[in-house]
Amino acid sequence: MAASMAIAQTAPAAQAPARHSRREMMQALDLTPAQRQQAKSIFQNTHQQVQPLVQQLRQDRQSLATAIRADDTTQIQQLSTAMGTLRGQVIAARSAGRAQFLALLTPDQKAKAAQIAPKGE
């Protein structure tokens, strides 16, 4: 096990997919001013939807740590289930925002976005 951990830690960083910030992607896509404004609105709306979910996840993580220390299996199960639901909601909101962003792109911009973004995003 330790050997596999050491190998995983020494793997070259070049193998990891390149990640681009939203700003870099928007610059690379050469968005029009109207597209930039729409994108900004989409990203702000998505952030507003996700922010309370992320805050609740933080609180639940702290509660889960307390439940683990107390060996409260009922609370552990309840919090784990709730956190799974919240994570699903975060993924859904972010995915919907990304879909809205992609919908405002031209076909050429969509093709470029597909090359920039890692698969599955």
PDB file of N, CA and C in Angstrom:
ATOM      1  N   MET A   1       0.831  -1.183   0.000  1.00  0.00           N
ATOM      2  CA  MET A   1       0.000   0.000   0.000  1.00  0.00           C
ATOM      3  C   MET A   1       0.879   1.252   0.000  1.00  0.00           C
ATOM      4  N   ALA A   2       1.904   1.254   0.857  1.00  0.00           N
ATOM      5  CA  ALA A   2       2.780   2.420   0.934  1.00  0.00           C
ATOM      6  C   ALA A   2       3.487   2.649  -0.395  1.00  0.00           C
ATOM      7  N   ALA A   3       3.849   1.552  -1.071  1.00  0.00           N
ATOM      8  CA  ALA A   3       4.528   1.693  -2.355  1.00  0.00           C
ATOM      9  C   ALA A   3       3.607   2.332  -3.390  1.00  0.00           C
ATOM     10  N   SER A   4       2.347   1.915  -3.407  1.00  0.00           N
ATOM     11  CA  SER A   4       1.420   2.505  -4.375  1.00  0.00           C
ATOM     12  C   SER A   4       1.151   3.969  -4.054  1.00  0.00           C
ATOM     13  N   MET A   5       1.143   4.320  -2.772  1.00  0.00           N
ATOM     14  CA  MET A   5       0.957   5.720  -2.383  1.00  0.00           C
ATOM     15  C   MET A   5       2.153   6.546  -2.865  1.00  0.00           C
ATOM     16  N   ALA A   6       3.353   5.990  -2.720  1.00  0.00           N
ATOM     17  CA  ALA A   6       4.548   6.711  -3.143  1.00  0.00           C
ATOM     18  C   ALA A   6       4.544   6.915  -4.651  1.00  0.00           C
ATOM     19  N   ILE A   7       4.118   5.910  -5.397  1.00  0.00           N
ATOM     20  CA  ILE A   7       4.058   6.024  -6.850  1.00  0.00           C
ATOM     21  C   ILE A   7       3.044   7.090  -7.240  1.00  0.00           C
ATOM     22  N   ALA A   8       1.885   7.065  -6.602  1.00  0.00           N
ATOM     23  CA  ALA A   8       0.837   8.036  -6.918  1.00  0.00           C
ATOM     24  C   ALA A   8       1.307   9.455  -6.623  1.00  0.00           C
ATOM     25  N   GLN A   9       2.105   9.618  -5.563  1.00  0.00           N
ATOM     26  CA  GLN A   9       2.561  10.950  -5.194  1.00  0.00           C
ATOM     27  C   GLN A   9       3.664  11.457  -6.111  1.00  0.00           C
ATOM     28  N   THR A  10       4.413  10.548  -6.750  1.00  0.00           N
ATOM     29  CA  THR A  10       5.515  10.976  -7.594  1.00  0.00           C
ATOM     30  C   THR A  10       5.149  10.998  -9.066  1.00  0.00           C
ATOM     31  N   ALA A  11       3.895  10.687  -9.400  1.00  0.00           N
ATOM     32  CA  ALA A  11       3.483  10.727 -10.801  1.00  0.00           C
ATOM     33  C   ALA A  11       3.626  12.149 -11.318  1.00  0.00           C
ATOM     34  N   PRO A  12       4.079  12.313 -12.558  1.00  0.00           N
ATOM     35  CA  PRO A  12       4.276  13.662 -13.085  1.00  0.00           C
ATOM     36  C   PRO A  12       2.961  14.427 -13.176  1.00  0.00           C
ATOM     37  N   ALA A  13       3.046  15.695 -12.874  1.00  0.00           N
ATOM     38  CA  ALA A  13       1.850  16.541 -12.907  1.00  0.00           C
ATOM     39  C   ALA A  13       1.327  16.706 -14.323  1.00  0.00           C
ATOM     40  N   ALA A  14       2.171  16.470 -15.326  1.00  0.00           N
ATOM     41  CA  ALA A  14       1.747  16.632 -16.713  1.00  0.00           C
ATOM     42  C   ALA A  14       0.630  15.663 -17.086  1.00  0.00           C
ATOM     43  N   GLN A  15       0.472  14.582 -16.353  1.00  0.00           N
ATOM     44  CA  GLN A  15      -0.570  13.607 -16.666  1.00  0.00           C
ATOM     45  C   GLN A  15      -1.950  14.100 -16.255  1.00  0.00           C
ATOM     46  N   ALA A  16      -2.005  15.032 -15.343  1.00  0.00           N
ATOM     47  CA  ALA A  16      -3.292  15.557 -14.900  1.00  0.00           C
ATOM     48  C   ALA A  16      -3.861  16.452 -15.994  1.00  0.00           C
ATOM     49  N   PRO A  17      -5.199  16.405 -16.202  1.00  0.00           N
ATOM     50  CA  PRO A  17      -5.773  17.252 -17.242  1.00  0.00           C
ATOM     51  C   PRO A  17      -5.593  18.731 -16.884  1.00  0.00           C
ATOM     52  N   ALA A  18      -5.369  19.528 -17.898  1.00  0.00           N
ATOM     53  CA  ALA A  18      -5.206  20.961 -17.666  1.00  0.00           C
ATOM     54  C   ALA A  18      -6.539  21.553 -17.244  1.00  0.00           C
ATOM     55  N   ARG A  19      -6.515  22.370 -16.237  1.00  0.00           N
ATOM     56  CA  ARG A  19      -7.732  23.031 -15.774  1.00  0.00           C
ATOM     57  C   ARG A  19      -7.589  24.521 -16.058  1.00  0.00           C
ATOM     58  N   HIS A  20      -8.637  25.080 -16.552  1.00  0.00           N
ATOM     59  CA  HIS A  20      -8.624  26.501 -16.871  1.00  0.00           C
ATOM     60  C   HIS A  20      -9.628  27.215 -15.983  1.00  0.00           C
ATOM     61  N   SER A  21      -9.262  28.400 -15.580  1.00  0.00           N
ATOM     62  CA  SER A  21     -10.201  29.197 -14.803  1.00  0.00           C
ATOM     63  C   SER A  21     -11.305  29.685 -15.732  1.00  0.00           C
ATOM     64  N   ARG A  22     -12.383  30.087 -15.131  1.00  0.00           N
ATOM     65  CA  ARG A  22     -13.505  30.611 -15.909  1.00  0.00           C
ATOM     66  C   ARG A  22     -13.046  31.811 -16.731  1.00  0.00           C
ATOM     67  N   ARG A  23     -12.239  32.656 -16.130  1.00  0.00           N
ATOM     68  CA  ARG A  23     -11.749  33.853 -16.833  1.00  0.00           C
ATOM     69  C   ARG A  23     -10.919  33.463 -18.052  1.00  0.00           C
ATOM     70  N   GLU A  24     -10.006  32.498 -17.866  1.00  0.00           N
ATOM     71  CA  GLU A  24      -9.179  32.044 -18.987  1.00  0.00           C
ATOM     72  C   GLU A  24     -10.039  31.467 -20.097  1.00  0.00           C
ATOM     73  N   MET A  25     -11.067  30.701 -19.715  1.00  0.00           N
ATOM     74  CA  MET A  25     -11.933  30.103 -20.721  1.00  0.00           C
ATOM     75  C   MET A  25     -12.690  31.182 -21.486  1.00  0.00           C
ATOM     76  N   MET A  26     -13.211  32.159 -20.765  1.00  0.00           N
ATOM     77  CA  MET A  26     -13.968  33.217 -21.425  1.00  0.00           C
ATOM     78  C   MET A  26     -13.076  34.014 -22.377  1.00  0.00           C
ATOM     79  N   GLN A  27     -11.823  34.238 -21.997  1.00  0.00           N
ATOM     80  CA  GLN A  27     -10.893  34.941 -22.878  1.00  0.00           C
ATOM     81  C   GLN A  27     -10.568  34.089 -24.100  1.00  0.00           C
ATOM     82  N   ALA A  28     -10.347  32.805 -23.894  1.00  0.00           N
ATOM     83  CA  ALA A  28     -10.004  31.913 -25.001  1.00  0.00           C
ATOM     84  C   ALA A  28     -11.162  31.769 -25.994  1.00  0.00           C
ATOM     85  N   LEU A  29     -12.393  31.884 -25.485  1.00  0.00           N
ATOM     86  CA  LEU A  29     -13.562  31.735 -26.363  1.00  0.00           C
ATOM     87  C   LEU A  29     -13.888  33.012 -27.120  1.00  0.00           C
ATOM     88  N   ASP A  30     -13.230  34.113 -26.776  1.00  0.00           N
ATOM     89  CA  ASP A  30     -13.444  35.388 -27.457  1.00  0.00           C
ATOM     90  C   ASP A  30     -14.934  35.747 -27.481  1.00  0.00           C
ATOM     91  N   LEU A  31     -15.509  35.837 -26.298  1.00  0.00           N
ATOM     92  CA  LEU A  31     -16.937  36.132 -26.178  1.00  0.00           C
ATOM     93  C   LEU A  31     -17.228  37.571 -26.583  1.00  0.00           C
ATOM     94  N   THR A  32     -18.412  37.777 -27.132  1.00  0.00           N
ATOM     95  CA  THR A  32     -18.869  39.131 -27.439  1.00  0.00           C
ATOM     96  C   THR A  32     -19.221  39.814 -26.116  1.00  0.00           C
ATOM     97  N   PRO A  33     -19.333  41.133 -26.119  1.00  0.00           N
ATOM     98  CA  PRO A  33     -19.755  41.813 -24.886  1.00  0.00           C
ATOM     99  C   PRO A  33     -21.113  41.295 -24.370  1.00  0.00           C
ATOM    100  N   ALA A  34     -22.041  41.035 -25.262  1.00  0.00           N
ATOM    101  CA  ALA A  34     -23.350  40.517 -24.841  1.00  0.00           C
ATOM    102  C   ALA A  34     -23.203  39.130 -24.203  1.00  0.00           C
ATOM    103  N   GLN A  35     -22.376  38.272 -24.795  1.00  0.00           N
ATOM    104  CA  GLN A  35     -22.143  36.946 -24.235  1.00  0.00           C
ATOM    105  C   GLN A  35     -21.472  37.050 -22.869  1.00  0.00           C
ATOM    106  N   ARG A  36     -20.523  37.975 -22.738  1.00  0.00           N
ATOM    107  CA  ARG A  36     -19.843  38.163 -21.451  1.00  0.00           C
ATOM    108  C   ARG A  36     -20.846  38.558 -20.368  1.00  0.00           C
ATOM    109  N   GLN A  37     -21.748  39.472 -20.714  1.00  0.00           N
ATOM    110  CA  GLN A  37     -22.742  39.916 -19.741  1.00  0.00           C
ATOM    111  C   GLN A  37     -23.672  38.772 -19.356  1.00  0.00           C
ATOM    112  N   GLN A  38     -24.114  38.001 -20.352  1.00  0.00           N
ATOM    113  CA  GLN A  38     -24.987  36.857 -20.067  1.00  0.00           C
ATOM    114  C   GLN A  38     -24.255  35.826 -19.222  1.00  0.00           C
ATOM    115  N   ALA A  39     -23.004  35.572 -19.553  1.00  0.00           N
ATOM    116  CA  ALA A  39     -22.212  34.595 -18.800  1.00  0.00           C
ATOM    117  C   ALA A  39     -22.051  35.055 -17.360  1.00  0.00           C
ATOM    118  N   LYS A  40     -21.762  36.327 -17.177  1.00  0.00           N
ATOM    119  CA  LYS A  40     -21.600  36.872 -15.824  1.00  0.00           C
ATOM    120  C   LYS A  40     -22.877  36.665 -15.024  1.00  0.00           C
ATOM    121  N   SER A  41     -24.008  36.931 -15.634  1.00  0.00           N
ATOM    122  CA  SER A  41     -25.299  36.746 -14.966  1.00  0.00           C
ATOM    123  C   SER A  41     -25.541  35.280 -14.617  1.00  0.00           C
ATOM    124  N   ILE A  42     -25.236  34.401 -15.541  1.00  0.00           N
ATOM    125  CA  ILE A  42     -25.410  32.952 -15.309  1.00  0.00           C
ATOM    126  C   ILE A  42     -24.540  32.512 -14.134  1.00  0.00           C
ATOM    127  N   PHE A  43     -23.268  32.917 -14.147  1.00  0.00           N
ATOM    128  CA  PHE A  43     -22.349  32.490 -13.095  1.00  0.00           C
ATOM    129  C   PHE A  43     -22.739  33.079 -11.741  1.00  0.00           C
ATOM    130  N   GLN A  44     -23.221  34.326 -11.732  1.00  0.00           N
ATOM    131  CA  GLN A  44     -23.667  34.926 -10.472  1.00  0.00           C
ATOM    132  C   GLN A  44     -24.894  34.197  -9.922  1.00  0.00           C
ATOM    133  N   ASN A  45     -25.844  33.890 -10.798  1.00  0.00           N
ATOM    134  CA  ASN A  45     -27.041  33.161 -10.364  1.00  0.00           C
ATOM    135  C   ASN A  45     -26.684  31.786  -9.825  1.00  0.00           C
ATOM    136  N   THR A  46     -25.780  31.115 -10.518  1.00  0.00           N
ATOM    137  CA  THR A  46     -25.351  29.789 -10.071  1.00  0.00           C
ATOM    138  C   THR A  46     -24.677  29.888  -8.702  1.00  0.00           C
ATOM    139  N   HIS A  47     -23.833  30.879  -8.548  1.00  0.00           N
ATOM    140  CA  HIS A  47     -23.146  31.072  -7.258  1.00  0.00           C
ATOM    141  C   HIS A  47     -24.160  31.310  -6.140  1.00  0.00           C
ATOM    142  N   GLN A  48     -25.163  32.125  -6.414  1.00  0.00           N
ATOM    143  CA  GLN A  48     -26.181  32.412  -5.402  1.00  0.00           C
ATOM    144  C   GLN A  48     -26.973  31.158  -5.036  1.00  0.00           C
ATOM    145  N   GLN A  49     -27.201  30.283  -5.996  1.00  0.00           N
ATOM    146  CA  GLN A  49     -27.904  29.033  -5.713  1.00  0.00           C
ATOM    147  C   GLN A  49     -27.039  28.077  -4.905  1.00  0.00           C
ATOM    148  N   VAL A  50     -25.766  28.021  -5.231  1.00  0.00           N
ATOM    149  CA  VAL A  50     -24.860  27.044  -4.630  1.00  0.00           C
ATOM    150  C   VAL A  50     -24.366  27.470  -3.248  1.00  0.00           C
ATOM    151  N   GLN A  51     -24.197  28.756  -3.029  1.00  0.00           N
ATOM    152  CA  GLN A  51     -23.594  29.245  -1.794  1.00  0.00           C
ATOM    153  C   GLN A  51     -24.271  28.719  -0.526  1.00  0.00           C
ATOM    154  N   PRO A  52     -25.604  28.785  -0.390  1.00  0.00           N
ATOM    155  CA  PRO A  52     -26.199  28.265   0.848  1.00  0.00           C
ATOM    156  C   PRO A  52     -26.053  26.742   0.987  1.00  0.00           C
ATOM    157  N   LEU A  53     -26.005  26.044  -0.126  1.00  0.00           N
ATOM    158  CA  LEU A  53     -25.818  24.590  -0.077  1.00  0.00           C
ATOM    159  C   LEU A  53     -24.422  24.257   0.437  1.00  0.00           C
ATOM    160  N   VAL A  54     -23.429  24.983  -0.055  1.00  0.00           N
ATOM    161  CA  VAL A  54     -22.048  24.766   0.375  1.00  0.00           C
ATOM    162  C   VAL A  54     -21.902  25.111   1.855  1.00  0.00           C
ATOM    163  N   GLN A  55     -22.545  26.179   2.278  1.00  0.00           N
ATOM    164  CA  GLN A  55     -22.495  26.555   3.696  1.00  0.00           C
ATOM    165  C   GLN A  55     -23.112  25.450   4.560  1.00  0.00           C
ATOM    166  N   GLN A  56     -24.226  24.905   4.123  1.00  0.00           N
ATOM    167  CA  GLN A  56     -24.859  23.818   4.871  1.00  0.00           C
ATOM    168  C   GLN A  56     -23.961  22.585   4.907  1.00  0.00           C
ATOM    169  N   LEU A  57     -23.279  22.310   3.806  1.00  0.00           N
ATOM    170  CA  LEU A  57     -22.335  21.184   3.780  1.00  0.00           C
ATOM    171  C   LEU A  57     -21.222  21.387   4.807  1.00  0.00           C
ATOM    172  N   ARG A  58     -20.708  22.615   4.916  1.00  0.00           N
ATOM    173  CA  ARG A  58     -19.666  22.896   5.908  1.00  0.00           C
ATOM    174  C   ARG A  58     -20.176  22.615   7.323  1.00  0.00           C
ATOM    175  N   GLN A  59     -21.365  23.102   7.599  1.00  0.00           N
ATOM    176  CA  GLN A  59     -21.936  22.891   8.921  1.00  0.00           C
ATOM    177  C   GLN A  59     -22.168  21.405   9.189  1.00  0.00           C
ATOM    178  N   ASP A  60     -22.673  20.702   8.165  1.00  0.00           N
ATOM    179  CA  ASP A  60     -22.918  19.267   8.326  1.00  0.00           C
ATOM    180  C   ASP A  60     -21.617  18.495   8.517  1.00  0.00           C
ATOM    181  N   ARG A  61     -20.534  18.928   7.852  1.00  0.00           N
ATOM    182  CA  ARG A  61     -19.240  18.263   8.035  1.00  0.00           C
ATOM    183  C   ARG A  61     -18.775  18.394   9.474  1.00  0.00           C
ATOM    184  N   GLN A  62     -18.966  19.574  10.040  1.00  0.00           N
ATOM    185  CA  GLN A  62     -18.587  19.775  11.444  1.00  0.00           C
ATOM    186  C   GLN A  62     -19.455  18.915  12.362  1.00  0.00           C
ATOM    187  N   SER A  63     -20.742  18.872  12.079  1.00  0.00           N
ATOM    188  CA  SER A  63     -21.655  18.042  12.883  1.00  0.00           C
ATOM    189  C   SER A  63     -21.315  16.569  12.736  1.00  0.00           C
ATOM    190  N   LEU A  64     -20.932  16.176  11.527  1.00  0.00           N
ATOM    191  CA  LEU A  64     -20.561  14.779  11.295  1.00  0.00           C
ATOM    192  C   LEU A  64     -19.316  14.424  12.095  1.00  0.00           C
ATOM    193  N   ALA A  65     -18.349  15.315  12.126  1.00  0.00           N
ATOM    194  CA  ALA A  65     -17.133  15.063  12.912  1.00  0.00           C
ATOM    195  C   ALA A  65     -17.488  14.895  14.385  1.00  0.00           C
ATOM    196  N   THR A  66     -18.400  15.709  14.872  1.00  0.00           N
ATOM    197  CA  THR A  66     -18.843  15.597  16.263  1.00  0.00           C
ATOM    198  C   THR A  66     -19.554  14.269  16.496  1.00  0.00           C
ATOM    199  N   ALA A  67     -20.405  13.879  15.561  1.00  0.00           N
ATOM    200  CA  ALA A  67     -21.137  12.615  15.679  1.00  0.00           C
ATOM    201  C   ALA A  67     -20.184  11.419  15.651  1.00  0.00           C
ATOM    202  N   ILE A  68     -19.144  11.516  14.832  1.00  0.00           N
ATOM    203  CA  ILE A  68     -18.156  10.435  14.765  1.00  0.00           C
ATOM    204  C   ILE A  68     -17.433  10.308  16.102  1.00  0.00           C
ATOM    205  N   ARG A  69     -17.005  11.437  16.653  1.00  0.00           N
ATOM    206  CA  ARG A  69     -16.311  11.403  17.944  1.00  0.00           C
ATOM    207  C   ARG A  69     -17.223  10.857  19.045  1.00  0.00           C
ATOM    208  N   ALA A  70     -18.524  11.115  18.934  1.00  0.00           N
ATOM    209  CA  ALA A  70     -19.486  10.646  19.945  1.00  0.00           C
ATOM    210  C   ALA A  70     -19.985   9.236  19.651  1.00  0.00           C
ATOM    211  N   ASP A  71     -19.553   8.659  18.533  1.00  0.00           N
ATOM    212  CA  ASP A  71     -20.003   7.330  18.109  1.00  0.00           C
ATOM    213  C   ASP A  71     -21.535   7.275  18.019  1.00  0.00           C
ATOM    214  N   ASP A  72     -22.126   8.349  17.490  1.00  0.00           N
ATOM    215  CA  ASP A  72     -23.576   8.452  17.322  1.00  0.00           C
ATOM    216  C   ASP A  72     -23.932   7.972  15.920  1.00  0.00           C
ATOM    217  N   THR A  73     -24.125   6.667  15.773  1.00  0.00           N
ATOM    218  CA  THR A  73     -24.349   6.078  14.449  1.00  0.00           C
ATOM    219  C   THR A  73     -25.628   6.585  13.788  1.00  0.00           C
ATOM    220  N   THR A  74     -26.646   6.878  14.568  1.00  0.00           N
ATOM    221  CA  THR A  74     -27.884   7.407  13.986  1.00  0.00           C
ATOM    222  C   THR A  74     -27.632   8.768  13.357  1.00  0.00           C
ATOM    223  N   GLN A  75     -26.947   9.629  14.088  1.00  0.00           N
ATOM    224  CA  GLN A  75     -26.631  10.972  13.575  1.00  0.00           C
ATOM    225  C   GLN A  75     -25.677  10.881  12.391  1.00  0.00           C
ATOM    226  N   ILE A  76     -24.735   9.966  12.448  1.00  0.00           N
ATOM    227  CA  ILE A  76     -23.801   9.770  11.334  1.00  0.00           C
ATOM    228  C   ILE A  76     -24.580   9.413  10.069  1.00  0.00           C
ATOM    229  N   GLN A  77     -25.524   8.484  10.184  1.00  0.00           N
ATOM    230  CA  GLN A  77     -26.311   8.071   9.027  1.00  0.00           C
ATOM    231  C   GLN A  77     -27.157   9.232   8.495  1.00  0.00           C
ATOM    232  N   GLN A  78     -27.809   9.959   9.384  1.00  0.00           N
ATOM    233  CA  GLN A  78     -28.664  11.076   8.967  1.00  0.00           C
ATOM    234  C   GLN A  78     -27.849  12.171   8.273  1.00  0.00           C
ATOM    235  N   LEU A  79     -26.733  12.529   8.870  1.00  0.00           N
ATOM    236  CA  LEU A  79     -25.902  13.579   8.283  1.00  0.00           C
ATOM    237  C   LEU A  79     -25.298  13.131   6.957  1.00  0.00           C
ATOM    238  N   SER A  80     -24.867  11.885   6.883  1.00  0.00           N
ATOM    239  CA  SER A  80     -24.291  11.372   5.639  1.00  0.00           C
ATOM    240  C   SER A  80     -25.310  11.415   4.511  1.00  0.00           C
ATOM    241  N   THR A  81     -26.535  11.035   4.811  1.00  0.00           N
ATOM    242  CA  THR A  81     -27.605  11.069   3.816  1.00  0.00           C
ATOM    243  C   THR A  81     -27.898  12.504   3.387  1.00  0.00           C
ATOM    244  N   ALA A  82     -27.991  13.396   4.360  1.00  0.00           N
ATOM    245  CA  ALA A  82     -28.265  14.805   4.055  1.00  0.00           C
ATOM    246  C   ALA A  82     -27.140  15.411   3.218  1.00  0.00           C
ATOM    247  N   MET A  83     -25.899  15.069   3.552  1.00  0.00           N
ATOM    248  CA  MET A  83     -24.765  15.612   2.813  1.00  0.00           C
ATOM    249  C   MET A  83     -24.744  15.089   1.380  1.00  0.00           C
ATOM    250  N   GLY A  84     -25.120  13.839   1.198  1.00  0.00           N
ATOM    251  CA  GLY A  84     -25.199  13.295  -0.154  1.00  0.00           C
ATOM    252  C   GLY A  84     -26.233  14.038  -0.985  1.00  0.00           C
ATOM    253  N   THR A  85     -27.364  14.336  -0.379  1.00  0.00           N
ATOM    254  CA  THR A  85     -28.411  15.089  -1.069  1.00  0.00           C
ATOM    255  C   THR A  85     -27.920  16.488  -1.421  1.00  0.00           C
ATOM    256  N   LEU A  86     -27.266  17.142  -0.468  1.00  0.00           N
ATOM    257  CA  LEU A  86     -26.747  18.486  -0.723  1.00  0.00           C
ATOM    258  C   LEU A  86     -25.697  18.482  -1.832  1.00  0.00           C
ATOM    259  N   ARG A  87     -24.822  17.511  -1.811  1.00  0.00           N
ATOM    260  CA  ARG A  87     -23.803  17.424  -2.874  1.00  0.00           C
ATOM    261  C   ARG A  87     -24.460  17.244  -4.231  1.00  0.00           C
ATOM    262  N   GLY A  88     -25.505  16.431  -4.280  1.00  0.00           N
ATOM    263  CA  GLY A  88     -26.248  16.251  -5.527  1.00  0.00           C
ATOM    264  C   GLY A  88     -26.873  17.549  -6.002  1.00  0.00           C
ATOM    265  N   GLN A  89     -27.391  18.341  -5.064  1.00  0.00           N
ATOM    266  CA  GLN A  89     -27.979  19.630  -5.423  1.00  0.00           C
ATOM    267  C   GLN A  89     -26.921  20.604  -5.937  1.00  0.00           C
ATOM    268  N   VAL A  90     -25.739  20.581  -5.339  1.00  0.00           N
ATOM    269  CA  VAL A  90     -24.649  21.436  -5.802  1.00  0.00           C
ATOM    270  C   VAL A  90     -24.253  21.041  -7.226  1.00  0.00           C
ATOM    271  N   ILE A  91     -24.098  19.763  -7.464  1.00  0.00           N
ATOM    272  CA  ILE A  91     -23.725  19.281  -8.799  1.00  0.00           C
ATOM    273  C   ILE A  91     -24.791  19.675  -9.811  1.00  0.00           C
ATOM    274  N   ALA A  92     -26.055  19.507  -9.455  1.00  0.00           N
ATOM    275  CA  ALA A  92     -27.150  19.849 -10.369  1.00  0.00           C
ATOM    276  C   ALA A  92     -27.149  21.335 -10.690  1.00  0.00           C
ATOM    277  N   ALA A  93     -26.984  22.180  -9.689  1.00  0.00           N
ATOM    278  CA  ALA A  93     -26.997  23.630  -9.914  1.00  0.00           C
ATOM    279  C   ALA A  93     -25.814  24.059 -10.786  1.00  0.00           C
ATOM    280  N   ARG A  94     -24.635  23.532 -10.492  1.00  0.00           N
ATOM    281  CA  ARG A  94     -23.458  23.892 -11.295  1.00  0.00           C
ATOM    282  C   ARG A  94     -23.580  23.374 -12.720  1.00  0.00           C
ATOM    283  N   SER A  95     -24.112  22.189 -12.868  1.00  0.00           N
ATOM    284  CA  SER A  95     -24.292  21.620 -14.206  1.00  0.00           C
ATOM    285  C   SER A  95     -25.317  22.414 -15.013  1.00  0.00           C
ATOM    286  N   ALA A  96     -26.381  22.837 -14.367  1.00  0.00           N
ATOM    287  CA  ALA A  96     -27.394  23.642 -15.050  1.00  0.00           C
ATOM    288  C   ALA A  96     -26.797  24.980 -15.484  1.00  0.00           C
ATOM    289  N   GLY A  97     -25.985  25.584 -14.632  1.00  0.00           N
ATOM    290  CA  GLY A  97     -25.323  26.837 -14.990  1.00  0.00           C
ATOM    291  C   GLY A  97     -24.383  26.654 -16.164  1.00  0.00           C
ATOM    292  N   ARG A  98     -23.639  25.570 -16.144  1.00  0.00           N
ATOM    293  CA  ARG A  98     -22.719  25.293 -17.260  1.00  0.00           C
ATOM    294  C   ARG A  98     -23.499  25.072 -18.548  1.00  0.00           C
ATOM    295  N   ALA A  99     -24.609  24.357 -18.472  1.00  0.00           N
ATOM    296  CA  ALA A  99     -25.435  24.124 -19.663  1.00  0.00           C
ATOM    297  C   ALA A  99     -25.976  25.448 -20.203  1.00  0.00           C
ATOM    298  N   GLN A 100     -26.400  26.343 -19.316  1.00  0.00           N
ATOM    299  CA  GLN A 100     -26.881  27.652 -19.749  1.00  0.00           C
ATOM    300  C   GLN A 100     -25.764  28.437 -20.430  1.00  0.00           C
ATOM    301  N   PHE A 101     -24.560  28.368 -19.866  1.00  0.00           N
ATOM    302  CA  PHE A 101     -23.421  29.053 -20.467  1.00  0.00           C
ATOM    303  C   PHE A 101     -23.134  28.494 -21.853  1.00  0.00           C
ATOM    304  N   LEU A 102     -23.084  27.184 -21.971  1.00  0.00           N
ATOM    305  CA  LEU A 102     -22.790  26.570 -23.264  1.00  0.00           C
ATOM    306  C   LEU A 102     -23.860  26.887 -24.299  1.00  0.00           C
ATOM    307  N   ALA A 103     -25.104  27.055 -23.858  1.00  0.00           N
ATOM    308  CA  ALA A 103     -26.205  27.344 -24.778  1.00  0.00           C
ATOM    309  C   ALA A 103     -26.054  28.716 -25.435  1.00  0.00           C
ATOM    310  N   LEU A 104     -25.316  29.636 -24.819  1.00  0.00           N
ATOM    311  CA  LEU A 104     -25.181  30.962 -25.423  1.00  0.00           C
ATOM    312  C   LEU A 104     -23.996  31.059 -26.374  1.00  0.00           C
ATOM    313  N   LEU A 105     -23.227  29.991 -26.491  1.00  0.00           N
ATOM    314  CA  LEU A 105     -22.055  29.986 -27.364  1.00  0.00           C
ATOM    315  C   LEU A 105     -22.420  29.650 -28.806  1.00  0.00           C
ATOM    316  N   THR A 106     -21.598  30.143 -29.716  1.00  0.00           N
ATOM    317  CA  THR A 106     -21.726  29.765 -31.123  1.00  0.00           C
ATOM    318  C   THR A 106     -21.182  28.343 -31.283  1.00  0.00           C
ATOM    319  N   PRO A 107     -21.477  27.685 -32.403  1.00  0.00           N
ATOM    320  CA  PRO A 107     -20.921  26.338 -32.609  1.00  0.00           C
ATOM    321  C   PRO A 107     -19.389  26.305 -32.535  1.00  0.00           C
ATOM    322  N   ASP A 108     -18.725  27.310 -33.089  1.00  0.00           N
ATOM    323  CA  ASP A 108     -17.256  27.348 -33.022  1.00  0.00           C
ATOM    324  C   ASP A 108     -16.772  27.503 -31.579  1.00  0.00           C
ATOM    325  N   GLN A 109     -17.445  28.357 -30.818  1.00  0.00           N
ATOM    326  CA  GLN A 109     -17.070  28.546 -29.420  1.00  0.00           C
ATOM    327  C   GLN A 109     -17.315  27.270 -28.613  1.00  0.00           C
ATOM    328  N   LYS A 110     -18.403  26.568 -28.918  1.00  0.00           N
ATOM    329  CA  LYS A 110     -18.688  25.301 -28.222  1.00  0.00           C
ATOM    330  C   LYS A 110     -17.587  24.288 -28.497  1.00  0.00           C
ATOM    331  N   ALA A 111     -17.145  24.219 -29.736  1.00  0.00           N
ATOM    332  CA  ALA A 111     -16.076  23.278 -30.089  1.00  0.00           C
ATOM    333  C   ALA A 111     -14.792  23.629 -29.339  1.00  0.00           C
ATOM    334  N   LYS A 112     -14.485  24.911 -29.268  1.00  0.00           N
ATOM    335  CA  LYS A 112     -13.286  25.337 -28.548  1.00  0.00           C
ATOM    336  C   LYS A 112     -13.432  25.055 -27.051  1.00  0.00           C
ATOM    337  N   ALA A 113     -14.620  25.299 -26.501  1.00  0.00           N
ATOM    338  CA  ALA A 113     -14.864  25.034 -25.076  1.00  0.00           C
ATOM    339  C   ALA A 113     -14.679  23.550 -24.774  1.00  0.00           C
ATOM    340  N   ALA A 114     -15.111  22.695 -25.677  1.00  0.00           N
ATOM    341  CA  ALA A 114     -14.966  21.253 -25.480  1.00  0.00           C
ATOM    342  C   ALA A 114     -13.491  20.852 -25.452  1.00  0.00           C
ATOM    343  N   GLN A 115     -12.666  21.548 -26.203  1.00  0.00           N
ATOM    344  CA  GLN A 115     -11.230  21.251 -26.194  1.00  0.00           C
ATOM    345  C   GLN A 115     -10.559  21.767 -24.924  1.00  0.00           C
ATOM    346  N   ILE A 116     -11.053  22.883 -24.413  1.00  0.00           N
ATOM    347  CA  ILE A 116     -10.446  23.509 -23.230  1.00  0.00           C
ATOM    348  C   ILE A 116     -10.832  22.765 -21.954  1.00  0.00           C
ATOM    349  N   ALA A 117     -12.119  22.468 -21.799  1.00  0.00           N
ATOM    350  CA  ALA A 117     -12.631  21.881 -20.559  1.00  0.00           C
ATOM    351  C   ALA A 117     -12.314  20.394 -20.524  1.00  0.00           C
ATOM    352  N   PRO A 118     -11.950  19.886 -19.345  1.00  0.00           N
ATOM    353  CA  PRO A 118     -11.743  18.442 -19.208  1.00  0.00           C
ATOM    354  C   PRO A 118     -13.038  17.687 -19.467  1.00  0.00           C
ATOM    355  N   LYS A 119     -12.914  16.465 -19.910  1.00  0.00           N
ATOM    356  CA  LYS A 119     -14.092  15.639 -20.149  1.00  0.00           C
ATOM    357  C   LYS A 119     -14.908  15.508 -18.862  1.00  0.00           C
ATOM    358  N   GLY A 120     -16.223  15.509 -19.000  1.00  0.00           N
ATOM    359  CA  GLY A 120     -17.098  15.349 -17.851  1.00  0.00           C
ATOM    360  C   GLY A 120     -17.499  16.655 -17.205  1.00  0.00           C
ATOM    361  N   GLU A 121     -16.947  17.763 -17.695  1.00  0.00           N
ATOM    362  CA  GLU A 121     -17.327  19.057 -17.130  1.00  0.00           C
ATOM    363  C   GLU A 121     -18.274  19.745 -18.055  1.00  0.00           C
TER     364      GLU A 121
END
